[in-house]
Protein backbone atom coordinates (compact mmCIF):
# COMPACT_ATOMS: atom_id res chain seq x y z
CA UNK A 1 43.36 -43.84 18.43
CA UNK A 2 39.89 -43.87 17.08
CA UNK A 3 39.58 -40.43 18.19
CA UNK A 4 42.53 -39.31 16.82
CA UNK A 5 41.63 -40.75 13.51
CA UNK A 6 38.22 -39.01 13.30
CA UNK A 7 39.84 -35.58 13.83
CA UNK A 8 43.04 -36.18 11.23
CA UNK A 9 40.03 -37.47 8.67
CA UNK A 10 37.59 -34.48 9.56
CA UNK A 11 41.00 -32.12 9.05
CA UNK A 12 41.60 -33.99 5.81
CA UNK A 13 38.17 -33.44 4.61
CA UNK A 14 37.96 -29.67 5.49
CA UNK A 15 41.35 -29.36 3.50
CA UNK A 16 40.18 -30.79 0.29
CA UNK A 17 36.83 -28.59 0.75
CA UNK A 18 38.71 -25.62 1.15
CA UNK A 19 41.23 -26.39 -1.81
CA UNK A 20 37.68 -27.42 -4.18
CA UNK A 21 36.32 -23.49 -2.96
CA UNK A 22 39.61 -21.82 -3.78
CA UNK A 23 39.66 -23.87 -7.27
CA UNK A 24 36.33 -22.62 -8.01
CA UNK A 25 36.89 -19.16 -7.13
CA UNK A 26 39.77 -19.07 -9.49
CA UNK A 27 37.35 -20.82 -12.32
CA UNK A 28 35.16 -17.91 -11.95
CA UNK A 29 37.44 -15.43 -11.93
CA UNK A 30 38.48 -16.77 -15.28
CA UNK A 31 35.42 -17.20 -16.56
CA UNK A 32 34.23 -13.58 -15.69
CA UNK A 33 37.20 -12.07 -17.59
CA UNK A 34 35.88 -13.92 -20.76
CA UNK A 35 32.40 -12.33 -20.84
CA UNK A 36 31.08 -8.55 -21.47
CA UNK A 37 30.29 -6.35 -18.29
CA UNK A 38 26.62 -5.45 -19.34
CA UNK A 39 25.87 -3.37 -16.19
CA UNK A 40 28.60 -0.99 -17.29
CA UNK A 41 27.83 2.70 -17.54
CA UNK A 42 28.21 5.31 -20.98
CA UNK A 43 30.93 7.10 -19.09
CA UNK A 44 32.62 3.85 -18.71
CA UNK A 45 32.59 2.84 -22.03
CA UNK A 46 35.37 2.82 -24.60
CA UNK A 47 34.80 2.40 -28.53
CA UNK A 48 37.62 1.60 -30.90
CA UNK A 49 36.90 3.05 -34.67
CA UNK A 50 39.27 2.02 -37.34
CA UNK A 51 38.51 4.07 -40.38
CA UNK A 52 39.26 2.95 -43.79
CA UNK A 53 40.63 6.90 -44.91
CA UNK A 54 40.07 10.10 -43.66
CA UNK A 55 40.97 11.76 -47.22
CA UNK A 56 37.01 11.59 -48.57
CA UNK A 57 34.59 13.91 -47.38
CA UNK A 58 32.57 11.55 -46.80
CA UNK A 59 34.34 9.41 -44.35
CA UNK A 60 35.32 12.65 -42.28
CA UNK A 61 31.63 13.19 -42.23
CA UNK A 62 31.19 9.44 -40.97
CA UNK A 63 34.07 10.16 -38.34
CA UNK A 64 32.22 13.70 -37.26
CA UNK A 65 28.65 11.81 -36.67
CA UNK A 66 30.34 9.05 -34.71
CA UNK A 67 32.07 11.75 -32.35
CA UNK A 68 29.17 13.79 -32.15
CA UNK A 69 26.88 10.69 -31.15
CA UNK A 70 29.55 9.45 -28.76
CA UNK A 71 29.96 12.84 -27.14
CA UNK A 72 26.40 13.05 -26.36
CA UNK A 73 26.37 9.58 -24.99
CA UNK A 74 29.18 10.40 -22.69
CA UNK A 75 31.14 7.52 -24.07
CA UNK A 76 35.21 7.62 -25.10
CA UNK A 77 35.76 6.99 -29.04
CA UNK A 78 39.13 6.61 -30.08
CA UNK A 79 39.56 6.81 -33.88
CA UNK A 80 42.53 5.91 -35.77
CA UNK A 81 42.84 6.35 -39.68
CA UNK A 82 44.19 3.48 -41.54
CA UNK A 83 45.51 5.40 -44.56
CA UNK A 84 43.85 2.98 -46.87
CA UNK A 85 46.36 0.52 -45.63
CA UNK A 86 45.33 -2.87 -44.81
CA UNK A 87 48.38 -4.01 -43.03
CA UNK A 88 48.00 -0.51 -41.08
CA UNK A 89 44.82 -1.00 -40.17
CA UNK A 90 45.34 -4.88 -39.04
CA UNK A 91 48.03 -3.14 -36.71
CA UNK A 92 45.71 -0.10 -35.61
CA UNK A 93 42.76 -2.67 -34.28
CA UNK A 94 45.39 -4.94 -32.51
CA UNK A 95 46.61 -1.57 -30.73
CA UNK A 96 43.14 -0.80 -29.81
CA UNK A 97 42.41 -4.32 -28.71
CA UNK A 98 45.57 -3.61 -26.37
CA UNK A 99 43.87 -0.50 -25.37
CA UNK A 100 40.98 -2.65 -23.50
CA UNK A 101 38.19 -1.40 -25.81
CA UNK A 102 34.54 -2.50 -25.08
CA UNK A 103 33.83 -2.59 -28.76
CA UNK A 104 35.27 -2.13 -32.52
CA UNK A 105 33.46 -0.19 -35.04
CA UNK A 106 35.19 -1.21 -38.13
CA UNK A 107 35.38 0.71 -41.51
CA UNK A 108 37.46 -2.36 -43.25
CA UNK A 109 40.27 -1.41 -46.36
CA UNK A 110 39.29 -4.71 -47.73
CA UNK A 111 36.57 -7.37 -46.78
CA UNK A 112 38.57 -10.52 -46.60
CA UNK A 113 42.27 -9.29 -45.90
CA UNK A 114 40.97 -7.57 -42.53
CA UNK A 115 40.21 -11.17 -41.16
CA UNK A 116 43.34 -10.87 -38.97
CA UNK A 117 41.34 -7.94 -37.16
CA UNK A 118 38.18 -9.66 -37.09
CA UNK A 119 39.72 -12.80 -35.55
CA UNK A 120 41.68 -11.05 -33.09
CA UNK A 121 38.25 -9.22 -31.85
CA UNK A 122 36.71 -12.68 -31.49
CA UNK A 123 39.71 -13.60 -29.62
CA UNK A 124 39.35 -10.81 -27.28
CA UNK A 125 35.73 -11.03 -26.93
CA UNK A 126 35.36 -7.40 -28.46
CA UNK A 127 32.14 -6.98 -30.58
CA UNK A 128 32.79 -5.84 -34.06
CA UNK A 129 30.26 -3.40 -35.81
CA UNK A 130 31.20 -2.42 -39.49
CA UNK A 131 30.25 0.03 -40.81
CA UNK A 132 29.57 1.46 -44.50
CA UNK A 133 31.35 -1.32 -45.93
CA UNK A 134 31.23 -5.25 -44.67
CA UNK A 135 33.70 -7.97 -44.14
CA UNK A 136 33.82 -11.57 -45.30
CA UNK A 137 33.68 -12.52 -41.79
CA UNK A 138 30.32 -11.94 -39.94
CA UNK A 139 30.70 -8.96 -37.63
CA UNK A 140 28.53 -8.48 -34.57
CA UNK A 141 26.53 -6.28 -36.50
CA UNK A 142 26.71 -4.37 -40.06
CA UNK A 143 25.32 -0.72 -40.22
CA UNK A 144 25.01 0.53 -43.53
CA UNK A 145 23.13 0.75 -46.76
CA UNK A 146 21.87 -1.07 -50.02
CA UNK A 147 25.04 -0.08 -52.18
CA UNK A 148 23.51 -2.11 -55.28
CA UNK A 149 20.19 -0.42 -54.66
CA UNK A 150 22.13 2.71 -54.92
CA UNK A 151 23.65 1.75 -57.98
CA UNK A 152 20.55 0.75 -59.20
CA UNK A 153 19.20 4.26 -58.99
CA UNK A 154 22.00 6.09 -60.40
CA UNK A 155 21.80 3.35 -63.34
CA UNK A 156 17.97 4.15 -63.68
CA UNK A 157 18.78 7.81 -64.22
CA UNK A 158 21.44 7.39 -66.37
CA UNK A 159 19.20 5.30 -68.58
CA UNK A 160 16.79 8.14 -68.31
CA UNK A 161 19.82 10.78 -69.43
CA UNK A 162 20.40 8.98 -72.37
CA UNK A 163 16.92 8.55 -73.80
CA UNK A 164 14.99 6.45 -71.67
CA UNK A 165 14.38 2.59 -71.21
CA UNK A 166 14.40 0.63 -74.61
CA UNK A 167 15.95 3.64 -76.38
CA UNK A 168 18.89 4.83 -74.40
CA UNK A 169 21.79 5.40 -76.32
CA UNK A 170 25.34 6.51 -75.61
CA UNK A 171 28.89 5.98 -74.16
CA UNK A 172 29.40 5.98 -70.27
CA UNK A 173 32.73 6.30 -68.53
CA UNK A 174 32.32 4.77 -64.86
CA UNK A 175 34.79 6.21 -62.21
CA UNK A 176 35.48 3.11 -59.88
CA UNK A 177 36.16 3.41 -56.07
CA UNK A 178 38.53 0.91 -54.36
CA UNK A 179 39.65 -2.75 -55.60
CA UNK A 180 38.23 -5.30 -54.25
CA UNK A 181 35.72 -3.14 -51.57
CA UNK A 182 32.59 -4.41 -51.03
CA UNK A 183 31.04 -0.69 -51.89
CA UNK A 184 32.61 -0.30 -54.94
CA UNK A 185 31.72 -4.44 -56.23
CA UNK A 186 28.11 -3.42 -55.20
CA UNK A 187 27.45 0.17 -56.53
CA UNK A 188 29.53 -1.29 -59.80
CA UNK A 189 27.32 -4.14 -59.81
CA UNK A 190 23.59 -2.45 -59.46
CA UNK A 191 24.71 0.42 -61.59
CA UNK A 192 25.40 -2.31 -64.57
CA UNK A 193 22.25 -4.29 -63.63
CA UNK A 194 20.65 -1.47 -64.99
CA UNK A 195 22.66 -0.06 -67.60
CA UNK A 196 23.12 -3.83 -69.59
CA UNK A 197 19.35 -3.98 -70.42
CA UNK A 198 20.08 -1.46 -72.72
CA UNK A 199 21.92 -2.36 -75.95
CA UNK A 200 22.92 1.06 -77.45
CA UNK A 201 24.85 1.88 -74.20
CA UNK A 202 28.78 0.97 -73.75
CA UNK A 203 30.29 1.50 -70.47
CA UNK A 204 33.83 2.37 -70.28
CA UNK A 205 35.25 1.22 -66.76
CA UNK A 206 38.06 3.54 -65.49
CA UNK A 207 40.74 2.82 -63.26
CA UNK A 208 40.59 2.50 -59.27
CA UNK A 209 40.36 6.16 -57.68
CA UNK A 210 39.37 5.59 -54.12
CA UNK A 211 36.68 7.73 -53.95
CA UNK A 212 39.28 10.78 -53.96
CA UNK A 213 38.75 13.89 -56.14
CA UNK A 214 42.22 14.44 -57.53
CA UNK A 215 42.99 10.85 -58.41
CA UNK A 216 39.62 10.89 -60.39
CA UNK A 217 40.80 14.20 -61.83
CA UNK A 218 43.97 12.24 -63.28
CA UNK A 219 41.97 9.47 -64.49
CA UNK A 220 39.25 11.75 -66.05
CA UNK A 221 41.83 13.50 -67.98
CA UNK A 222 43.29 10.30 -69.42
CA UNK A 223 39.94 8.94 -70.15
CA UNK A 224 38.88 12.03 -71.85
CA UNK A 225 41.57 12.02 -74.40
CA UNK A 226 40.58 8.13 -75.17
CA UNK A 227 37.16 8.76 -75.26
CA UNK A 228 36.28 12.25 -76.44
CA UNK A 229 33.02 11.35 -77.52
CA UNK A 230 31.45 10.39 -73.82
CA UNK A 231 27.99 11.15 -73.04
CA UNK A 232 27.84 10.45 -69.36
CA UNK A 233 30.09 10.16 -66.47
CA UNK A 234 28.77 7.48 -63.42
CA UNK A 235 31.17 7.59 -60.34
CA UNK A 236 30.65 5.90 -57.31
CA UNK A 237 31.07 8.83 -55.28
CA UNK A 238 30.59 12.30 -55.45
CA UNK A 239 33.80 13.66 -54.76
CA UNK A 240 35.03 11.22 -57.73
CA UNK A 241 32.12 12.67 -60.04
CA UNK A 242 32.95 16.59 -59.02
CA UNK A 243 36.80 15.49 -60.28
CA UNK A 244 35.12 15.00 -63.55
CA UNK A 245 32.93 17.84 -63.52
CA UNK A 246 36.27 19.85 -63.16
CA UNK A 247 38.15 18.32 -66.31
CA UNK A 248 34.81 18.55 -68.37
CA UNK A 249 34.55 22.26 -67.41
CA UNK A 250 38.16 22.68 -68.44
CA UNK A 251 37.23 20.98 -71.97
CA UNK A 252 34.39 22.71 -72.72
CA UNK A 253 32.18 19.47 -72.38
CA UNK A 254 30.04 20.31 -69.42
CA UNK A 255 27.12 21.06 -71.86
CA UNK A 256 27.41 17.66 -73.60
CA UNK A 257 28.10 15.26 -70.77
CA UNK A 258 25.72 14.49 -68.11
CA UNK A 259 27.40 13.67 -64.81
CA UNK A 260 25.90 11.14 -61.75
CA UNK A 261 27.44 10.44 -58.76
CA UNK A 262 26.84 8.58 -54.79
CA UNK A 263 26.49 10.05 -51.52
CA UNK A 264 24.83 13.23 -51.64
CA UNK A 265 27.57 15.63 -51.35
CA UNK A 266 26.25 19.39 -50.62
CA UNK A 267 28.73 20.57 -53.38
CA UNK A 268 27.19 18.10 -55.95
CA UNK A 269 23.68 19.11 -54.81
CA UNK A 270 24.43 22.87 -55.35
CA UNK A 271 25.46 21.87 -58.74
CA UNK A 272 22.59 20.29 -59.49
CA UNK A 273 20.74 23.36 -58.71
CA UNK A 274 22.95 25.38 -60.99
CA UNK A 275 22.49 22.42 -63.58
CA UNK A 276 25.81 21.29 -63.99
CA UNK A 277 25.64 17.93 -62.29
CA UNK A 278 22.62 15.59 -63.17
CA UNK A 279 22.00 13.55 -60.28
CA UNK A 280 23.24 11.72 -56.79
CA UNK A 281 21.98 9.27 -54.29
CA UNK A 282 22.13 10.01 -50.93
CA UNK A 283 24.11 8.14 -48.48
CA UNK A 284 24.13 10.01 -45.22
CA UNK A 285 27.35 9.76 -43.51
CA UNK A 286 26.72 11.59 -40.29
CA UNK A 287 23.36 9.72 -39.80
CA UNK A 288 25.38 6.20 -40.31
CA UNK A 289 28.17 7.38 -37.79
CA UNK A 290 25.92 7.79 -35.14
CA UNK A 291 24.19 4.68 -35.60
CA UNK A 292 27.49 2.68 -35.26
CA UNK A 293 28.01 4.21 -31.91
CA UNK A 294 24.28 3.82 -31.04
CA UNK A 295 24.72 0.11 -32.09
CA UNK A 296 28.00 -0.38 -30.17
CA UNK A 297 26.34 1.05 -26.79
CA UNK A 298 23.64 -1.57 -27.18
CA UNK A 299 25.94 -4.31 -27.82
CA UNK A 300 28.32 -3.47 -24.76
CA UNK A 301 25.18 -3.01 -22.60
CA UNK A 302 23.68 -6.44 -23.57
CA UNK A 303 20.73 -5.18 -25.47
CA UNK A 304 20.01 -6.90 -28.69
CA UNK A 305 20.33 -5.39 -32.14
CA UNK A 306 19.63 -6.46 -35.65
CA UNK A 307 22.56 -7.89 -37.83
CA UNK A 308 22.06 -5.27 -40.67
CA UNK A 309 20.90 -1.73 -39.41
CA UNK A 310 20.20 -0.18 -43.27
CA UNK A 311 20.26 3.83 -43.29
CA UNK A 312 17.83 3.90 -46.39
CA UNK A 313 18.79 6.05 -49.54
CA UNK A 314 17.25 7.94 -52.11
CA UNK A 315 18.00 9.63 -55.65
CA UNK A 316 18.43 13.48 -55.86
CA UNK A 317 17.86 15.53 -58.91
CA UNK A 318 16.62 18.60 -60.22
CA UNK A 319 13.10 17.71 -59.27
CA UNK A 320 13.86 17.63 -55.47
CA UNK A 321 17.73 19.35 -54.55
CA UNK A 322 15.98 22.28 -53.31
CA UNK A 323 14.47 20.26 -50.21
CA UNK A 324 18.29 18.99 -49.45
CA UNK A 325 19.77 22.08 -49.63
CA UNK A 326 21.77 23.51 -46.35
CA UNK A 327 24.63 25.31 -45.65
CA UNK A 328 25.25 23.69 -42.04
CA UNK A 329 25.85 20.25 -43.45
CA UNK A 330 28.65 18.74 -45.95
CA UNK A 331 25.89 15.93 -47.00
CA UNK A 332 22.37 15.65 -47.28
CA UNK A 333 20.58 14.39 -44.15
CA UNK A 334 18.37 11.50 -44.62
CA UNK A 335 14.94 12.89 -43.06
């Protein structure tokens, strides 16, 4: 009896051990599914890119830069246009996550309303790289530029064009980007920081034009009727500023009104050279798109990256426009 009891006891213990081992295997499987495979080769990496809109030349070039870098690195890049619709963007991100992407590049339509996308990415253990615009939810990394500094550079130039610090006078029409956008708010704040130092300057804040030239044309036509005595137009991007240029030209006021924009659009730089445009501030979307893809690949591979990656900026006016002229690029490239 003792012998039979011992054998039965031993068999019971062995079954318990095997069951425990089986349980550990299942736990390990669950854990591995929640962690990123940092051993992936570039060809196995898939990156999703939710772009705010493709109606602006800047955002088209941003995507082109991302595609160029993805092709160079041999990674798959899936780009979806949110069409400036936050509900569509949140649905787009969910679709990308369902495809099993390894990283998400996100140019948010709205910094707070895109929160469902950020939460969904976190739940799926997918790192988020915000580009151009940041979100209220902290991403894994943000690739962009100091838009307040861009606004300050534009503001300094506007003050100089209106008579210089301490004596500047005149009326400015401000063509704004998108309502609630982080880029819009920063470019507005930086500009006003410089302008509000001058008691002789009045700023007329125009409606939001979503960085689109056609919308800026309509806004500028209405604003010019109400403010024919305008001295300078400041637009949150060059595309809108060029819309203002079109309206001022039709009204034969181009010689009387200065124009300052942001982004370094080559069309604007060419107009600086021919004297129809006064200044722009560099933004270089191609390099920004490349940096976003490079950052995404590094994160997927387990490499350390900075939380904020700054692409830099600079003012372009008649003194240096010739240095940036090119027939190859739609936007001036930062050297």
